[in-house]
Amino acid sequence: MPIDLSSEAQRKRANDYWGGLAGKVERFLSRTKIIDGECWEWLGAYSGNGPYGVCRDLSGKSTSAHRVAFQLFKGNLLEGSQIMHSCDNPRCVNPAHLSQGTAQDNADDKVSKGRQSKSNTLPDQRGEGNLNSKTCVDTVLEIRKLYAEGVSQKEIASMTGVQRANVWAIVHRKSWRHI
């Protein structure tokens, strides 16, 4: 059964259960907002490098809010474990949406849900295989041909619509080496 602390009585039960942690549980819950009756979105601070909330754990160390939620409502974390979201909402701290697993479990979950970056699954990420590439093989060959004929890199850039720095990298085989 999912843990639901949306009512005052349920919050009091959780606080009573945690005894001396009552203030910490209440403070933690005061920084959440229930979205669509499901996710508890973290309203506190966020990490500088992503969408995950941060707060102090029970020992006072700064860590991810979803890890603290897991500790408060489900128990201790295993050494080296990761906390996974069944709802795929990184801002969610609802313990009913959190489970503990290994890094491999987390990676498998990401792939099974189609959240794996496509560029990481391609066998060859060079040239057109790189999803960030805006240049194609034909253009690369044309750039090298024009340069071999004596056309300046500046003129090649304006003729092909490729940035001048990229023309330089193609000509000097700093990029597209495999062609």
C-alpha atoms as a PDB file:
ATOM      1  CA  MET A   1       0.000   0.000   0.000  1.00  0.00           C
ATOM      2  CA  PRO A   2       1.470   3.422  -0.954  1.00  0.00           C
ATOM      3  CA  ILE A   3       2.400   5.739   1.879  1.00  0.00           C
ATOM      4  CA  ASP A   4       0.042   8.709   1.910  1.00  0.00           C
ATOM      5  CA  LEU A   5       0.800  11.563   4.279  1.00  0.00           C
ATOM      6  CA  SER A   6      -1.522  14.129   2.739  1.00  0.00           C
ATOM      7  CA  SER A   7      -3.698  14.495   5.866  1.00  0.00           C
ATOM      8  CA  GLU A   8      -2.691  15.859   9.262  1.00  0.00           C
ATOM      9  CA  ALA A   9      -3.542  12.549  10.969  1.00  0.00           C
ATOM     10  CA  GLN A  10      -1.259  10.625   8.634  1.00  0.00           C
ATOM     11  CA  ARG A  11       1.560  13.127   9.149  1.00  0.00           C
ATOM     12  CA  LYS A  12       1.122  12.799  12.924  1.00  0.00           C
ATOM     13  CA  ARG A  13       1.311   8.995  12.655  1.00  0.00           C
ATOM     14  CA  ALA A  14       4.582   9.266  10.714  1.00  0.00           C
ATOM     15  CA  ASN A  15       5.980  11.722  13.265  1.00  0.00           C
ATOM     16  CA  ASP A  16       4.920   9.458  16.174  1.00  0.00           C
ATOM     17  CA  TYR A  17       6.560   6.479  14.469  1.00  0.00           C
ATOM     18  CA  TRP A  18       9.858   8.311  14.112  1.00  0.00           C
ATOM     19  CA  GLY A  19       9.780   9.529  17.718  1.00  0.00           C
ATOM     20  CA  GLY A  20      12.719  11.923  18.088  1.00  0.00           C
ATOM     21  CA  LEU A  21      12.705  12.474  14.345  1.00  0.00           C
ATOM     22  CA  ALA A  22       9.256  14.063  14.425  1.00  0.00           C
ATOM     23  CA  GLY A  23      10.584  17.556  13.818  1.00  0.00           C
ATOM     24  CA  LYS A  24      12.797  16.370  10.968  1.00  0.00           C
ATOM     25  CA  VAL A  25       9.951  14.515   9.282  1.00  0.00           C
ATOM     26  CA  GLU A  26       7.625  17.500   9.610  1.00  0.00           C
ATOM     27  CA  ARG A  27      10.295  19.886   8.343  1.00  0.00           C
ATOM     28  CA  PHE A  28      11.008  17.580   5.393  1.00  0.00           C
ATOM     29  CA  LEU A  29       7.303  17.286   4.545  1.00  0.00           C
ATOM     30  CA  SER A  30       6.866  21.077   4.773  1.00  0.00           C
ATOM     31  CA  ARG A  31       9.191  21.335   1.755  1.00  0.00           C
ATOM     32  CA  THR A  32       7.016  19.153  -0.463  1.00  0.00           C
ATOM     33  CA  LYS A  33       3.942  19.741  -2.571  1.00  0.00           C
ATOM     34  CA  ILE A  34       1.670  16.900  -3.652  1.00  0.00           C
ATOM     35  CA  ILE A  35       1.170  16.967  -7.431  1.00  0.00           C
ATOM     36  CA  ASP A  36      -1.824  15.209  -9.025  1.00  0.00           C
ATOM     37  CA  GLY A  37      -2.327  13.238  -5.811  1.00  0.00           C
ATOM     38  CA  GLU A  38       0.788  11.229  -6.617  1.00  0.00           C
ATOM     39  CA  CYS A  39       4.245  12.833  -6.655  1.00  0.00           C
ATOM     40  CA  TRP A  40       5.562  14.819  -3.728  1.00  0.00           C
ATOM     41  CA  GLU A  41       7.602  17.479  -5.492  1.00  0.00           C
ATOM     42  CA  TRP A  42      10.550  18.874  -3.576  1.00  0.00           C
ATOM     43  CA  LEU A  43      10.263  22.640  -2.995  1.00  0.00           C
ATOM     44  CA  GLY A  44      13.571  23.058  -1.180  1.00  0.00           C
ATOM     45  CA  ALA A  45      17.026  23.627  -2.632  1.00  0.00           C
ATOM     46  CA  TYR A  46      18.230  21.947  -5.824  1.00  0.00           C
ATOM     47  CA  SER A  47      21.654  20.704  -6.802  1.00  0.00           C
ATOM     48  CA  GLY A  48      23.628  22.913  -9.149  1.00  0.00           C
ATOM     49  CA  ASN A  49      24.042  20.129 -11.691  1.00  0.00           C
ATOM     50  CA  GLY A  50      20.572  18.714 -12.121  1.00  0.00           C
ATOM     51  CA  PRO A  51      16.925  18.495 -11.227  1.00  0.00           C
ATOM     52  CA  TYR A  52      17.385  16.659  -7.919  1.00  0.00           C
ATOM     53  CA  GLY A  53      16.522  18.298  -4.619  1.00  0.00           C
ATOM     54  CA  VAL A  54      19.122  18.513  -1.867  1.00  0.00           C
ATOM     55  CA  CYS A  55      18.831  18.681   1.907  1.00  0.00           C
ATOM     56  CA  ARG A  56      20.602  17.462   5.027  1.00  0.00           C
ATOM     57  CA  ASP A  57      20.304  13.795   5.926  1.00  0.00           C
ATOM     58  CA  LEU A  58      19.818  12.508   9.465  1.00  0.00           C
ATOM     59  CA  SER A  59      23.541  12.889  10.196  1.00  0.00           C
ATOM     60  CA  GLY A  60      23.598  16.491   8.921  1.00  0.00           C
ATOM     61  CA  LYS A  61      25.365  15.735   5.635  1.00  0.00           C
ATOM     62  CA  SER A  62      24.080  17.420   2.453  1.00  0.00           C
ATOM     63  CA  THR A  63      22.606  14.815   0.097  1.00  0.00           C
ATOM     64  CA  SER A  64      19.792  14.212  -2.393  1.00  0.00           C
ATOM     65  CA  ALA A  65      16.291  14.836  -1.040  1.00  0.00           C
ATOM     66  CA  HIS A  66      14.972  11.586  -2.502  1.00  0.00           C
ATOM     67  CA  ARG A  67      17.656   9.648  -0.589  1.00  0.00           C
ATOM     68  CA  VAL A  68      16.590  11.386   2.636  1.00  0.00           C
ATOM     69  CA  ALA A  69      12.935  10.557   1.881  1.00  0.00           C
ATOM     70  CA  PHE A  70      13.890   6.905   1.450  1.00  0.00           C
ATOM     71  CA  GLN A  71      15.750   6.919   4.787  1.00  0.00           C
ATOM     72  CA  LEU A  72      12.957   8.694   6.652  1.00  0.00           C
ATOM     73  CA  PHE A  73      10.119   6.513   5.401  1.00  0.00           C
ATOM     74  CA  LYS A  74      11.637   3.199   4.315  1.00  0.00           C
ATOM     75  CA  GLY A  75      14.813   2.678   6.307  1.00  0.00           C
ATOM     76  CA  ASN A  76      18.559   2.543   5.874  1.00  0.00           C
ATOM     77  CA  LEU A  77      20.312   2.627   2.523  1.00  0.00           C
ATOM     78  CA  LEU A  78      22.597  -0.196   1.501  1.00  0.00           C
ATOM     79  CA  GLU A  79      26.222   0.760   0.854  1.00  0.00           C
ATOM     80  CA  GLY A  80      26.664   1.994  -2.728  1.00  0.00           C
ATOM     81  CA  SER A  81      22.975   1.787  -3.542  1.00  0.00           C
ATOM     82  CA  GLN A  82      21.050   4.192  -5.733  1.00  0.00           C
ATOM     83  CA  ILE A  83      17.486   5.366  -5.288  1.00  0.00           C
ATOM     84  CA  MET A  84      15.271   4.934  -8.347  1.00  0.00           C
ATOM     85  CA  HIS A  85      12.010   6.746  -9.141  1.00  0.00           C
ATOM     86  CA  SER A  86       9.139   4.609 -10.468  1.00  0.00           C
ATOM     87  CA  CYS A  87       7.412   7.844 -11.559  1.00  0.00           C
ATOM     88  CA  ASP A  88      10.523   9.088 -13.454  1.00  0.00           C
ATOM     89  CA  ASN A  89      10.113  12.509 -11.823  1.00  0.00           C
ATOM     90  CA  PRO A  90      13.515  13.507 -10.378  1.00  0.00           C
ATOM     91  CA  ARG A  91      11.839  16.137  -8.163  1.00  0.00           C
ATOM     92  CA  CYS A  92       9.604  13.515  -6.511  1.00  0.00           C
ATOM     93  CA  VAL A  93      10.313  12.454  -2.920  1.00  0.00           C
ATOM     94  CA  ASN A  94       7.218  10.274  -2.398  1.00  0.00           C
ATOM     95  CA  PRO A  95       8.576   7.129  -0.720  1.00  0.00           C
ATOM     96  CA  ALA A  96       5.940   5.044  -2.522  1.00  0.00           C
ATOM     97  CA  HIS A  97       7.678   6.011  -5.789  1.00  0.00           C
ATOM     98  CA  LEU A  98      11.205   5.235  -4.543  1.00  0.00           C
ATOM     99  CA  SER A  99      13.095   1.958  -4.556  1.00  0.00           C
ATOM    100  CA  GLN A 100      16.654   0.976  -3.807  1.00  0.00           C
ATOM    101  CA  GLY A 101      18.879  -0.660  -6.401  1.00  0.00           C
ATOM    102  CA  THR A 102      22.337  -0.935  -7.880  1.00  0.00           C
ATOM    103  CA  ALA A 103      23.796   1.314 -10.565  1.00  0.00           C
ATOM    104  CA  GLN A 104      23.073  -1.488 -13.050  1.00  0.00           C
ATOM    105  CA  ASP A 105      19.432  -1.705 -11.886  1.00  0.00           C
ATOM    106  CA  ASN A 106      19.117   2.047 -12.424  1.00  0.00           C
ATOM    107  CA  ALA A 107      20.692   1.844 -15.908  1.00  0.00           C
ATOM    108  CA  ASP A 108      18.454  -1.094 -16.873  1.00  0.00           C
ATOM    109  CA  ASP A 109      15.392   0.823 -15.645  1.00  0.00           C
ATOM    110  CA  LYS A 110      16.379   3.852 -17.739  1.00  0.00           C
ATOM    111  CA  VAL A 111      16.822   1.758 -20.889  1.00  0.00           C
ATOM    112  CA  SER A 112      13.594  -0.209 -20.349  1.00  0.00           C
ATOM    113  CA  LYS A 113      11.644   3.048 -20.047  1.00  0.00           C
ATOM    114  CA  GLY A 114      13.198   4.573 -23.178  1.00  0.00           C
ATOM    115  CA  ARG A 115      15.080   7.331 -21.340  1.00  0.00           C
ATOM    116  CA  GLN A 116      18.504   6.268 -22.622  1.00  0.00           C
ATOM    117  CA  SER A 117      20.187   8.859 -24.835  1.00  0.00           C
ATOM    118  CA  LYS A 118      20.071   7.649 -28.413  1.00  0.00           C
ATOM    119  CA  SER A 119      23.636   8.812 -29.053  1.00  0.00           C
ATOM    120  CA  ASN A 120      24.869   6.356 -26.418  1.00  0.00           C
ATOM    121  CA  THR A 121      23.173   3.413 -28.118  1.00  0.00           C
ATOM    122  CA  LEU A 122      24.514   3.963 -31.647  1.00  0.00           C
ATOM    123  CA  PRO A 123      27.294   1.596 -32.674  1.00  0.00           C
ATOM    124  CA  ASP A 124      29.279   4.373 -34.398  1.00  0.00           C
ATOM    125  CA  GLN A 125      28.986   7.923 -33.106  1.00  0.00           C
ATOM    126  CA  ARG A 126      31.345   9.478 -35.614  1.00  0.00           C
ATOM    127  CA  GLY A 127      30.178  11.757 -38.408  1.00  0.00           C
ATOM    128  CA  GLU A 128      26.513  11.333 -39.281  1.00  0.00           C
ATOM    129  CA  GLY A 129      26.216   8.726 -36.526  1.00  0.00           C
ATOM    130  CA  ASN A 130      26.608  11.547 -34.007  1.00  0.00           C
ATOM    131  CA  LEU A 131      23.179  13.021 -33.340  1.00  0.00           C
ATOM    132  CA  ASN A 132      24.746  16.463 -32.802  1.00  0.00           C
ATOM    133  CA  SER A 133      26.307  16.523 -36.261  1.00  0.00           C
ATOM    134  CA  LYS A 134      24.938  19.098 -38.691  1.00  0.00           C
ATOM    135  CA  THR A 135      27.270  18.117 -41.522  1.00  0.00           C
ATOM    136  CA  CYS A 136      26.984  15.103 -43.820  1.00  0.00           C
ATOM    137  CA  VAL A 137      29.619  13.006 -45.593  1.00  0.00           C
ATOM    138  CA  ASP A 138      28.936  14.626 -48.975  1.00  0.00           C
ATOM    139  CA  THR A 139      29.566  18.099 -47.529  1.00  0.00           C
ATOM    140  CA  VAL A 140      32.803  16.952 -45.880  1.00  0.00           C
ATOM    141  CA  LEU A 141      34.061  15.504 -49.168  1.00  0.00           C
ATOM    142  CA  GLU A 142      33.078  18.705 -51.001  1.00  0.00           C
ATOM    143  CA  ILE A 143      34.928  20.862 -48.433  1.00  0.00           C
ATOM    144  CA  ARG A 144      38.112  18.814 -48.803  1.00  0.00           C
ATOM    145  CA  LYS A 145      37.839  18.840 -52.612  1.00  0.00           C
ATOM    146  CA  LEU A 146      37.383  22.637 -52.730  1.00  0.00           C
ATOM    147  CA  TYR A 147      40.294  23.181 -50.351  1.00  0.00           C
ATOM    148  CA  ALA A 148      42.546  20.906 -52.450  1.00  0.00           C
ATOM    149  CA  GLU A 149      41.597  23.036 -55.487  1.00  0.00           C
ATOM    150  CA  GLY A 150      42.866  26.144 -53.699  1.00  0.00           C
ATOM    151  CA  VAL A 151      39.597  27.671 -52.498  1.00  0.00           C
ATOM    152  CA  SER A 152      40.060  29.542 -49.187  1.00  0.00           C
ATOM    153  CA  GLN A 153      38.464  28.238 -46.016  1.00  0.00           C
ATOM    154  CA  LYS A 154      36.493  31.483 -45.690  1.00  0.00           C
ATOM    155  CA  GLU A 155      35.001  31.024 -49.166  1.00  0.00           C
ATOM    156  CA  ILE A 156      34.270  27.345 -48.481  1.00  0.00           C
ATOM    157  CA  ALA A 157      32.443  28.309 -45.288  1.00  0.00           C
ATOM    158  CA  SER A 158      30.194  30.780 -47.104  1.00  0.00           C
ATOM    159  CA  MET A 159      29.605  28.358 -50.013  1.00  0.00           C
ATOM    160  CA  THR A 160      28.670  25.373 -47.831  1.00  0.00           C
ATOM    161  CA  GLY A 161      27.048  27.100 -44.846  1.00  0.00           C
ATOM    162  CA  VAL A 162      29.483  25.354 -42.489  1.00  0.00           C
ATOM    163  CA  GLN A 163      31.121  27.458 -39.781  1.00  0.00           C
ATOM    164  CA  ARG A 164      34.652  28.555 -40.621  1.00  0.00           C
ATOM    165  CA  ALA A 165      36.109  26.812 -37.555  1.00  0.00           C
ATOM    166  CA  ASN A 166      34.447  23.565 -38.607  1.00  0.00           C
ATOM    167  CA  VAL A 167      35.807  23.924 -42.143  1.00  0.00           C
ATOM    168  CA  TRP A 168      39.298  24.281 -40.620  1.00  0.00           C
ATOM    169  CA  ALA A 169      38.753  21.150 -38.456  1.00  0.00           C
ATOM    170  CA  ILE A 170      37.508  19.144 -41.467  1.00  0.00           C
ATOM    171  CA  VAL A 171      40.363  20.273 -43.721  1.00  0.00           C
ATOM    172  CA  HIS A 172      42.989  19.514 -41.060  1.00  0.00           C
ATOM    173  CA  ARG A 173      41.279  16.209 -40.161  1.00  0.00           C
ATOM    174  CA  LYS A 174      40.645  17.239 -36.560  1.00  0.00           C
ATOM    175  CA  SER A 175      37.055  16.168 -37.159  1.00  0.00           C
ATOM    176  CA  TRP A 176      35.630  13.668 -39.653  1.00  0.00           C
ATOM    177  CA  ARG A 177      38.974  11.768 -39.634  1.00  0.00           C
ATOM    178  CA  HIS A 178      37.234   8.544 -40.566  1.00  0.00           C
ATOM    179  CA  ILE A 179      36.261   9.975 -44.002  1.00  0.00           C
END
